[in-house]
Protein backbone atom coordinates (compact mmCIF):
# COMPACT_ATOMS: atom_id res chain seq x y z
CA MET A 1 -0.33 0.13 -0.09
CA LYS A 2 2.80 2.68 0.95
CA THR A 3 4.11 2.05 -2.58
CA ILE A 4 1.05 2.49 -4.26
CA ILE A 5 0.83 5.68 -2.43
CA ILE A 6 4.17 6.93 -3.39
CA ILE A 7 3.74 6.23 -6.86
CA PHE A 8 0.47 8.00 -7.14
CA PHE A 9 1.96 10.94 -5.22
CA SER A 10 4.89 11.02 -7.72
CA ILE A 11 2.42 11.17 -10.71
CA PHE A 12 0.36 13.94 -9.19
CA ILE A 13 3.18 15.90 -8.84
CA SER A 14 4.47 15.27 -12.06
CA LEU A 15 1.12 16.40 -13.68
CA LYS A 16 0.88 19.56 -11.31
CA ALA A 17 4.31 20.26 -12.77
CA TYR A 18 3.23 20.54 -16.55
CA CYS A 19 -0.07 19.73 -17.18
CA TRP A 20 -0.76 23.05 -18.57
CA PRO A 21 0.56 24.51 -22.09
CA ASP A 22 2.65 27.48 -21.10
CA SER A 23 1.83 29.28 -24.37
CA ASP A 24 -1.86 28.88 -23.94
CA LEU A 25 -2.82 30.93 -20.93
CA LEU A 26 -6.32 32.13 -21.94
CA PRO A 27 -9.40 30.45 -22.34
CA PRO A 28 -9.10 28.31 -25.77
CA MET A 29 -10.62 29.28 -28.94
CA GLY A 30 -11.68 27.51 -32.10
CA TRP A 31 -14.12 25.67 -34.16
CA GLU A 32 -15.77 22.05 -33.92
CA PRO A 33 -18.03 20.51 -36.87
CA TRP A 34 -20.23 18.68 -34.34
CA ASN A 35 -22.97 20.74 -34.03
CA ILE A 36 -23.35 21.83 -37.72
CA ASP A 37 -24.84 18.02 -38.73
CA HIS A 38 -23.34 15.59 -36.10
CA CYS A 39 -20.61 14.55 -38.58
CA GLY A 40 -23.44 14.04 -41.28
CA ASN A 41 -23.23 14.58 -45.04
CA SER A 42 -23.17 18.25 -45.48
CA SER A 43 -19.32 18.06 -46.03
CA LYS A 44 -16.72 15.50 -46.54
CA TRP A 45 -14.81 16.66 -43.62
CA ASP A 46 -11.73 15.83 -45.71
CA ALA A 47 -8.26 17.28 -45.96
CA GLU A 48 -9.37 19.56 -48.88
CA TYR A 49 -12.23 20.87 -46.28
CA TYR A 50 -9.82 21.67 -43.75
CA LYS A 51 -7.63 23.56 -46.27
CA LYS A 52 -10.50 25.70 -47.55
CA LEU A 53 -11.35 26.15 -43.76
CA VAL A 54 -8.15 27.50 -42.42
CA ASP A 55 -7.85 29.72 -45.38
CA PHE A 56 -11.31 31.28 -44.41
CA PHE A 57 -10.12 31.75 -40.95
CA VAL A 58 -7.64 33.62 -42.07
CA SER A 59 -8.87 35.71 -44.72
CA SER A 60 -12.35 36.55 -42.42
CA GLY A 61 -10.20 37.87 -39.41
CA LEU A 62 -11.66 34.50 -37.18
CA ARG A 63 -8.09 33.75 -36.45
CA ASP A 64 -6.74 37.16 -35.84
CA LEU A 65 -9.83 37.49 -33.26
CA GLY A 66 -8.42 34.55 -31.14
CA TYR A 67 -9.97 31.63 -32.98
CA GLN A 68 -7.21 29.38 -33.38
CA TYR A 69 -8.03 25.54 -32.97
CA LEU A 70 -9.65 23.47 -35.87
CA THR A 71 -10.86 20.14 -34.73
CA ILE A 72 -10.80 17.05 -36.91
CA GLU A 73 -13.11 14.35 -35.82
CA CYS A 74 -15.68 13.16 -38.28
CA ASN A 75 -14.60 9.55 -39.30
CA ASP A 76 -11.31 10.68 -39.74
CA HIS A 77 -9.20 7.51 -38.48
CA TYR A 78 -9.28 3.89 -38.02
CA ARG A 79 -7.30 1.55 -35.62
CA ASP A 80 -5.48 -1.26 -37.14
CA SER A 81 -4.98 -4.80 -35.86
CA SER A 82 -1.77 -3.76 -33.94
CA GLY A 83 -3.56 -1.25 -32.18
CA LYS A 84 -2.23 1.89 -34.16
CA ILE A 85 -4.35 4.80 -35.51
CA HIS A 86 -4.43 5.65 -39.31
CA PRO A 87 -5.92 8.63 -40.89
CA ASN A 88 -9.20 7.46 -43.07
CA PRO A 89 -7.30 7.09 -46.58
CA GLU A 90 -10.41 8.44 -48.37
CA LYS A 91 -10.51 11.73 -46.30
CA PHE A 92 -6.51 12.31 -45.78
CA PRO A 93 -5.10 10.45 -48.59
CA ASN A 94 -1.34 11.88 -47.77
CA GLY A 95 -2.16 11.48 -43.87
CA PHE A 96 -2.33 14.08 -41.30
CA LYS A 97 1.18 15.54 -41.22
CA PRO A 98 0.76 17.59 -44.63
CA LEU A 99 -2.46 18.92 -43.65
CA THR A 100 -1.14 19.67 -40.11
CA ASP A 101 1.73 21.50 -41.49
CA TYR A 102 -0.49 23.52 -43.75
CA ILE A 103 -2.74 24.45 -41.01
CA HIS A 104 0.41 25.47 -38.89
CA SER A 105 1.64 27.71 -41.67
CA LYS A 106 -1.45 29.78 -41.42
CA GLY A 107 -0.60 30.49 -37.93
CA MET A 108 -3.37 28.16 -36.87
CA LYS A 109 -3.41 24.93 -34.70
CA VAL A 110 -5.47 21.39 -34.97
CA ARG A 111 -6.96 19.02 -32.34
CA ALA A 112 -7.55 15.15 -32.66
CA TYR A 113 -10.73 13.47 -31.21
CA THR A 114 -11.24 10.44 -29.15
CA ASP A 115 -12.92 8.58 -26.38
CA ALA A 116 -11.18 7.62 -23.01
CA GLY A 117 -13.20 4.50 -22.86
CA LYS A 118 -13.31 1.28 -25.67
CA GLY A 119 -16.41 2.63 -27.37
CA LYS A 120 -17.31 5.71 -29.24
CA CYS A 121 -19.65 8.55 -29.37
CA CYS A 122 -20.46 8.65 -33.07
CA CYS A 123 -18.10 9.27 -35.44
CA PHE A 124 -14.60 7.31 -35.34
CA ASP A 125 -13.59 3.79 -35.21
CA THR A 126 -12.90 3.08 -31.77
CA GLY A 127 -11.93 4.62 -28.32
CA SER A 128 -8.29 4.98 -26.87
CA PHE A 129 -8.58 2.81 -23.78
CA GLY A 130 -5.81 0.37 -23.57
CA HIS A 131 -3.90 2.66 -26.35
CA TYR A 132 -3.31 5.93 -24.47
CA GLU A 133 0.49 6.15 -25.20
CA ASP A 134 0.23 4.42 -28.91
CA ASP A 135 -2.12 7.33 -29.40
CA ALA A 136 -0.41 10.17 -27.85
CA LYS A 137 2.71 9.34 -29.87
CA SER A 138 0.75 9.04 -33.10
CA TRP A 139 -0.98 12.70 -32.48
CA ALA A 140 2.65 13.82 -31.81
CA GLU A 141 4.17 12.61 -34.69
CA SER A 142 1.13 13.85 -36.85
CA GLY A 143 1.50 17.42 -35.79
CA PHE A 144 -1.59 17.90 -33.47
CA ASP A 145 -1.73 20.38 -30.74
CA GLY A 146 -4.52 19.22 -28.81
CA VAL A 147 -7.11 16.63 -28.52
CA LYS A 148 -10.98 16.62 -27.39
CA ILE A 149 -11.49 13.48 -25.50
CA ASP A 150 -14.91 12.29 -25.35
CA TRP A 151 -16.45 10.03 -22.49
CA CYS A 152 -19.13 7.63 -24.09
CA GLY A 153 -17.13 4.86 -24.27
CA GLY A 154 -16.12 5.65 -20.60
CA SER A 155 -19.66 5.98 -19.19
CA ASN A 156 -20.81 2.69 -21.11
CA GLU A 157 -17.71 0.82 -19.56
CA LYS A 158 -18.41 2.39 -16.01
CA LEU A 159 -14.97 3.55 -15.83
CA ASP A 160 -14.06 6.38 -13.39
CA PRO A 161 -13.19 9.60 -15.12
CA LYS A 162 -10.45 11.01 -12.75
CA THR A 163 -8.64 7.66 -12.99
CA GLN A 164 -8.80 7.38 -16.79
CA PHE A 165 -8.15 11.03 -17.66
CA TYR A 166 -5.02 11.13 -15.19
CA GLU A 167 -3.51 7.91 -17.01
CA PHE A 168 -4.25 9.43 -20.48
CA ILE A 169 -2.46 12.75 -19.79
CA ALA A 170 0.56 11.14 -18.26
CA ALA A 171 0.67 9.62 -21.63
CA ILE A 172 0.29 12.55 -23.74
CA LYS A 173 2.90 14.44 -21.65
CA LYS A 174 5.45 12.19 -22.48
CA TYR A 175 5.36 13.41 -26.09
CA ASN A 176 3.90 16.65 -26.13
CA LYS A 177 3.94 18.55 -22.68
CA GLU A 178 2.12 21.83 -24.70
CA PHE A 179 -0.69 19.42 -25.65
CA SER A 180 -4.28 21.03 -24.89
CA VAL A 181 -6.69 18.50 -23.80
CA GLU A 182 -10.55 18.69 -23.77
CA ILE A 183 -11.97 16.54 -20.90
CA CYS A 184 -15.52 15.91 -22.10
CA THR A 185 -17.07 13.95 -19.48
CA TRP A 186 -20.32 16.25 -19.63
CA GLY A 187 -19.63 17.06 -15.68
CA VAL A 188 -19.43 13.26 -14.65
CA GLY A 189 -17.29 12.80 -11.92
CA ASN A 190 -16.82 16.46 -11.16
CA PRO A 191 -14.01 17.51 -13.37
CA TRP A 192 -13.89 21.23 -12.17
CA GLU A 193 -12.32 19.81 -8.98
CA TRP A 194 -9.48 17.97 -10.83
CA GLY A 195 -9.26 18.71 -14.34
CA ARG A 196 -6.32 21.37 -13.83
CA TYR A 197 -4.40 18.33 -13.36
CA ALA A 198 -5.60 16.35 -16.38
CA GLY A 199 -6.14 18.98 -19.18
CA THR A 200 -6.70 22.35 -20.27
CA MET A 201 -10.68 22.73 -20.29
CA TRP A 202 -13.47 20.41 -19.07
CA ARG A 203 -17.13 20.04 -19.92
CA THR A 204 -19.50 20.77 -16.93
CA CYS A 205 -22.72 19.62 -18.48
CA ALA A 206 -24.40 17.78 -21.27
CA ASP A 207 -24.38 18.59 -25.04
CA VAL A 208 -25.61 22.45 -25.03
CA ASP A 209 -27.96 21.69 -28.24
CA TRP A 210 -29.76 18.91 -26.28
CA CYS A 211 -33.05 20.18 -25.54
CA GLU A 212 -34.55 18.12 -22.83
CA ASP A 213 -38.12 19.36 -23.16
CA GLN A 214 -38.12 18.24 -26.74
CA LYS A 215 -36.03 15.07 -26.13
CA ASN A 216 -33.77 15.98 -29.48
CA PHE A 217 -30.84 17.59 -30.58
CA ILE A 218 -32.42 20.63 -32.66
CA GLY A 219 -29.73 23.13 -32.62
CA GLY A 220 -30.34 24.06 -29.06
CA CYS A 221 -32.96 25.90 -27.28
CA PHE A 222 -33.32 28.66 -24.51
CA SER A 223 -33.83 26.01 -21.71
CA SER A 224 -30.79 23.98 -22.84
CA LEU A 225 -28.80 27.29 -22.68
CA VAL A 226 -29.59 28.12 -19.13
CA ARG A 227 -29.19 24.66 -17.96
CA ASN A 228 -25.49 24.80 -19.28
CA ILE A 229 -24.92 28.29 -17.90
CA ASN A 230 -26.31 27.06 -14.36
CA ALA A 231 -24.08 23.75 -14.50
CA ASN A 232 -20.92 25.92 -15.41
CA ARG A 233 -20.73 27.99 -12.26
CA HIS A 234 -17.76 26.60 -10.51
CA PRO A 235 -15.59 29.96 -10.52
CA ASP A 236 -13.49 28.98 -7.53
CA LYS A 237 -10.03 30.58 -8.26
CA GLU A 238 -8.42 27.71 -6.71
CA PHE A 239 -9.47 25.47 -9.72
CA VAL A 240 -10.07 27.94 -12.49
CA GLY A 241 -7.82 30.50 -14.37
CA PRO A 242 -4.53 31.07 -15.89
CA GLY A 243 -2.10 28.09 -15.16
CA LYS A 244 -4.97 25.91 -14.06
CA GLY A 245 -7.67 25.80 -16.82
CA TRP A 246 -11.19 26.53 -17.45
CA ASN A 247 -14.76 25.55 -17.25
CA TYR A 248 -16.28 24.68 -20.59
CA ALA A 249 -20.28 25.09 -21.10
CA ASP A 250 -19.86 23.59 -24.72
CA MET A 251 -19.80 24.87 -28.06
CA LEU A 252 -21.55 28.08 -29.58
CA LEU A 253 -24.70 27.45 -31.00
CA VAL A 254 -24.38 30.70 -33.00
CA GLY A 255 -25.48 30.62 -36.34
CA ILE A 256 -26.82 26.95 -36.00
CA LYS A 257 -30.19 26.72 -38.01
CA GLN A 258 -33.34 25.78 -36.06
CA GLY A 259 -31.49 26.85 -32.87
CA LEU A 260 -31.41 30.00 -30.79
CA LYS A 261 -33.09 33.11 -31.69
CA GLU A 262 -30.69 36.14 -32.63
CA ILE A 263 -31.11 37.81 -28.98
CA GLU A 264 -30.60 34.30 -27.53
CA GLU A 265 -27.21 33.80 -29.41
CA ARG A 266 -26.00 36.80 -27.95
CA SER A 267 -27.01 35.87 -24.63
CA GLN A 268 -24.86 32.78 -24.96
CA PHE A 269 -22.06 34.47 -26.47
CA SER A 270 -22.38 37.29 -23.50
CA MET A 271 -22.57 34.63 -20.81
CA TRP A 272 -19.67 32.25 -22.43
CA ALA A 273 -17.39 35.18 -22.17
CA ILE A 274 -18.51 36.56 -18.80
CA MET A 275 -17.75 33.14 -17.43
CA ALA A 276 -14.41 32.86 -19.20
CA SER A 277 -15.45 29.63 -21.23
CA PRO A 278 -13.58 28.63 -23.98
CA LEU A 279 -15.29 29.98 -27.37
CA PHE A 280 -15.39 27.16 -29.84
CA LEU A 281 -17.55 27.81 -32.77
CA GLY A 282 -19.90 25.10 -34.24
CA ASN A 283 -21.44 26.67 -37.06
CA ASP A 284 -20.82 26.23 -40.98
CA VAL A 285 -18.44 29.52 -41.18
CA PHE A 286 -18.67 29.64 -44.97
CA SER A 287 -22.82 30.53 -44.70
CA MET A 288 -22.66 32.96 -42.12
CA SER A 289 -25.35 35.70 -41.90
CA GLU A 290 -24.26 39.23 -41.06
CA ALA A 291 -26.09 38.84 -38.07
CA THR A 292 -23.95 35.82 -37.05
CA LYS A 293 -20.83 37.79 -38.09
CA ASN A 294 -21.46 40.51 -35.80
CA ILE A 295 -21.88 38.22 -32.80
CA LEU A 296 -19.10 35.81 -33.30
CA MET A 297 -16.86 38.42 -34.09
CA ASN A 298 -17.69 41.22 -31.78
CA LYS A 299 -14.31 41.87 -30.32
CA GLU A 300 -15.19 43.74 -27.05
CA VAL A 301 -17.18 40.75 -25.76
CA ILE A 302 -14.11 38.39 -26.97
CA ASP A 303 -11.87 40.78 -24.98
CA VAL A 304 -14.17 40.09 -21.86
CA ASP A 305 -13.75 36.26 -22.20
CA GLN A 306 -9.90 36.44 -23.25
CA ASP A 307 -9.20 38.92 -20.43
CA PRO A 308 -5.72 38.19 -19.03
CA LEU A 309 -7.18 38.38 -15.18
CA GLY A 310 -8.74 35.00 -16.08
CA VAL A 311 -11.48 35.59 -13.59
CA GLN A 312 -14.51 33.43 -13.98
CA GLY A 313 -17.53 35.79 -13.43
CA ASP A 314 -20.50 35.09 -11.51
CA VAL A 315 -23.97 36.28 -9.98
CA VAL A 316 -23.90 38.99 -7.78
CA LYS A 317 -27.57 39.75 -7.60
CA GLU A 318 -30.80 38.17 -8.66
CA TYR A 319 -34.45 38.29 -8.50
CA ASN A 320 -37.57 36.12 -8.88
CA ASN A 321 -35.87 32.98 -8.33
CA GLY A 322 -33.07 33.55 -10.87
CA ILE A 323 -35.31 34.64 -13.55
CA ILE A 324 -33.50 38.20 -13.65
CA GLN A 325 -29.67 37.72 -12.68
CA ILE A 326 -26.76 40.46 -12.60
CA TRP A 327 -23.10 39.01 -13.23
CA GLU A 328 -19.86 40.64 -12.75
CA LYS A 329 -16.55 39.77 -13.80
CA ASP A 330 -13.21 41.54 -12.57
CA LEU A 331 -10.89 42.56 -15.46
CA PHE A 332 -7.22 43.15 -15.53
CA ASP A 333 -7.12 46.74 -16.15
CA GLY A 334 -9.45 47.50 -13.20
CA SER A 335 -12.68 47.74 -14.76
CA LYS A 336 -16.07 45.16 -14.51
CA ALA A 337 -17.64 43.35 -17.36
CA VAL A 338 -21.22 43.05 -16.08
CA ALA A 339 -24.11 41.19 -17.86
CA LEU A 340 -27.78 41.86 -17.18
CA PHE A 341 -29.14 38.47 -17.99
CA ASN A 342 -33.29 38.13 -18.53
CA LYS A 343 -34.68 34.71 -18.49
CA ASN A 344 -38.20 36.27 -18.55
CA ASN A 345 -40.42 35.74 -21.71
CA GLU A 346 -41.14 39.69 -21.53
CA THR A 347 -38.85 42.53 -21.70
CA GLN A 348 -37.36 43.73 -18.10
CA ILE A 349 -35.78 46.67 -16.74
CA ILE A 350 -32.82 45.48 -14.64
CA THR A 351 -30.49 47.67 -12.71
CA VAL A 352 -26.99 47.35 -11.53
CA ASN A 353 -26.40 49.22 -8.45
CA TRP A 354 -22.51 50.04 -7.98
CA SER A 355 -22.89 48.52 -4.42
CA ASP A 356 -23.87 45.40 -6.24
CA ILE A 357 -20.33 44.91 -7.89
CA GLY A 358 -18.21 46.41 -5.14
CA ILE A 359 -17.45 49.98 -6.72
CA SER A 360 -18.59 53.58 -5.39
CA GLY A 361 -18.06 56.86 -7.16
CA ASP A 362 -18.05 58.27 -10.98
CA TYR A 363 -17.93 55.44 -13.38
CA LYS A 364 -18.09 55.20 -17.20
CA ILE A 365 -20.29 52.91 -18.90
CA ARG A 366 -20.16 50.99 -22.37
CA ASP A 367 -22.45 48.89 -23.93
CA LEU A 368 -20.40 45.98 -26.02
CA TRP A 369 -23.30 45.13 -28.08
CA GLU A 370 -24.27 48.74 -29.11
CA HIS A 371 -20.41 49.45 -29.34
CA ALA A 372 -21.58 53.08 -27.51
CA ASP A 373 -20.64 54.85 -24.42
CA LYS A 374 -23.65 55.55 -22.22
CA GLY A 375 -22.25 58.29 -19.82
CA ILE A 376 -21.08 58.39 -16.50
CA SER A 377 -22.66 57.55 -13.27
CA ASN A 378 -21.96 57.50 -9.48
CA ASN A 379 -24.38 55.02 -8.38
CA GLN A 380 -26.07 52.60 -10.76
CA PHE A 381 -26.98 51.93 -14.46
CA SER A 382 -30.62 50.58 -15.66
CA ALA A 383 -31.08 48.97 -19.05
CA GLU A 384 -34.12 47.87 -20.74
CA VAL A 385 -33.27 43.96 -21.60
CA SER A 386 -35.25 42.06 -23.98
CA ALA A 387 -36.85 38.91 -23.15
CA HIS A 388 -34.20 36.27 -23.07
CA GLY A 389 -31.47 38.87 -23.77
CA THR A 390 -28.41 39.94 -22.05
CA THR A 391 -27.13 43.42 -22.02
CA MET A 392 -23.40 43.40 -21.53
CA LEU A 393 -21.36 46.19 -20.14
CA LYS A 394 -18.16 47.55 -19.30
CA ILE A 395 -17.92 49.44 -16.48
CA SER A 396 -14.57 51.48 -15.78
CA ASN A 397 -12.99 54.34 -13.65
CA LYS A 398 -13.45 57.35 -15.79
């Protein structure tokens, strides 16, 4: 027993020493294909698609706003009889390395995808259980910068999340200490308590496009949005922030067909930003409307998410059993980000008092969606907030 304790303690210390990419001290931003059509047939999801995709991220300005990780996950690989994974030859006839090199040449990064168990969630040959080191070595050789590790197989096989992810990260760090790892257990096993030793970010709830009242994946609904916001509230500074990691409320639903209304999409983007959640696009970026672009490319809101202080904001005041909420997040420059979140089905007047957010005296107010200054106040600010909407403010000393 003493020997086991010593071995576990040694692993724990080594994980703590290098489980966080030194070059990645902000909530990661990027893109995943899953929410578009659950890895269906809307695209071949092949090497040519990803080359076109990275070119678009550069030309559109998405890369320069911080969206840097592209995720390859749709039927992209298989495992041979010896246990080694290989690229799908129909999608990646030249292998992964020429593609990852191309993505890197454009100043972006790329993630692989797997499951911590033997089984699979959807669209790949098999999970990584029993092959953690094999897969880690393969990803390093193929030029990947990170991986999303799902939990369908782990769940079906009744594995322990903490045990498996500790084992997986130890294997990964043998080959790439700068690897970014998404722990995707959907909150199972309370990853916010231990995730900083096993990854870069961790999912805290179910898929945000799963609407329980409709019992379907329909592109998301307001109830699923609220559910994930509630589940993501683990802002303890001991667990979250630069050098530790991030609570991840799942992908963005902005621009997804049959999903949220535009006002609700703004709410998701606002709330993800004030919670310092990673921002991963889940839409077809080639067909974005102007409204979608205006949300996903709102630099003022992105700056709140990417603030170097790395604080996860939280509710400071709420009314009507949480139907009306005031959220606050401290920023590096000494200012405050404030979100006035209206879950009501009708427009509400919401007032933030300076005492609610720990300030006094004259402060300047800026609306981050209107991109407009709203004057100076010495005690409070009120806004009319549409049903399911969010007013996003930056309140700073004049």
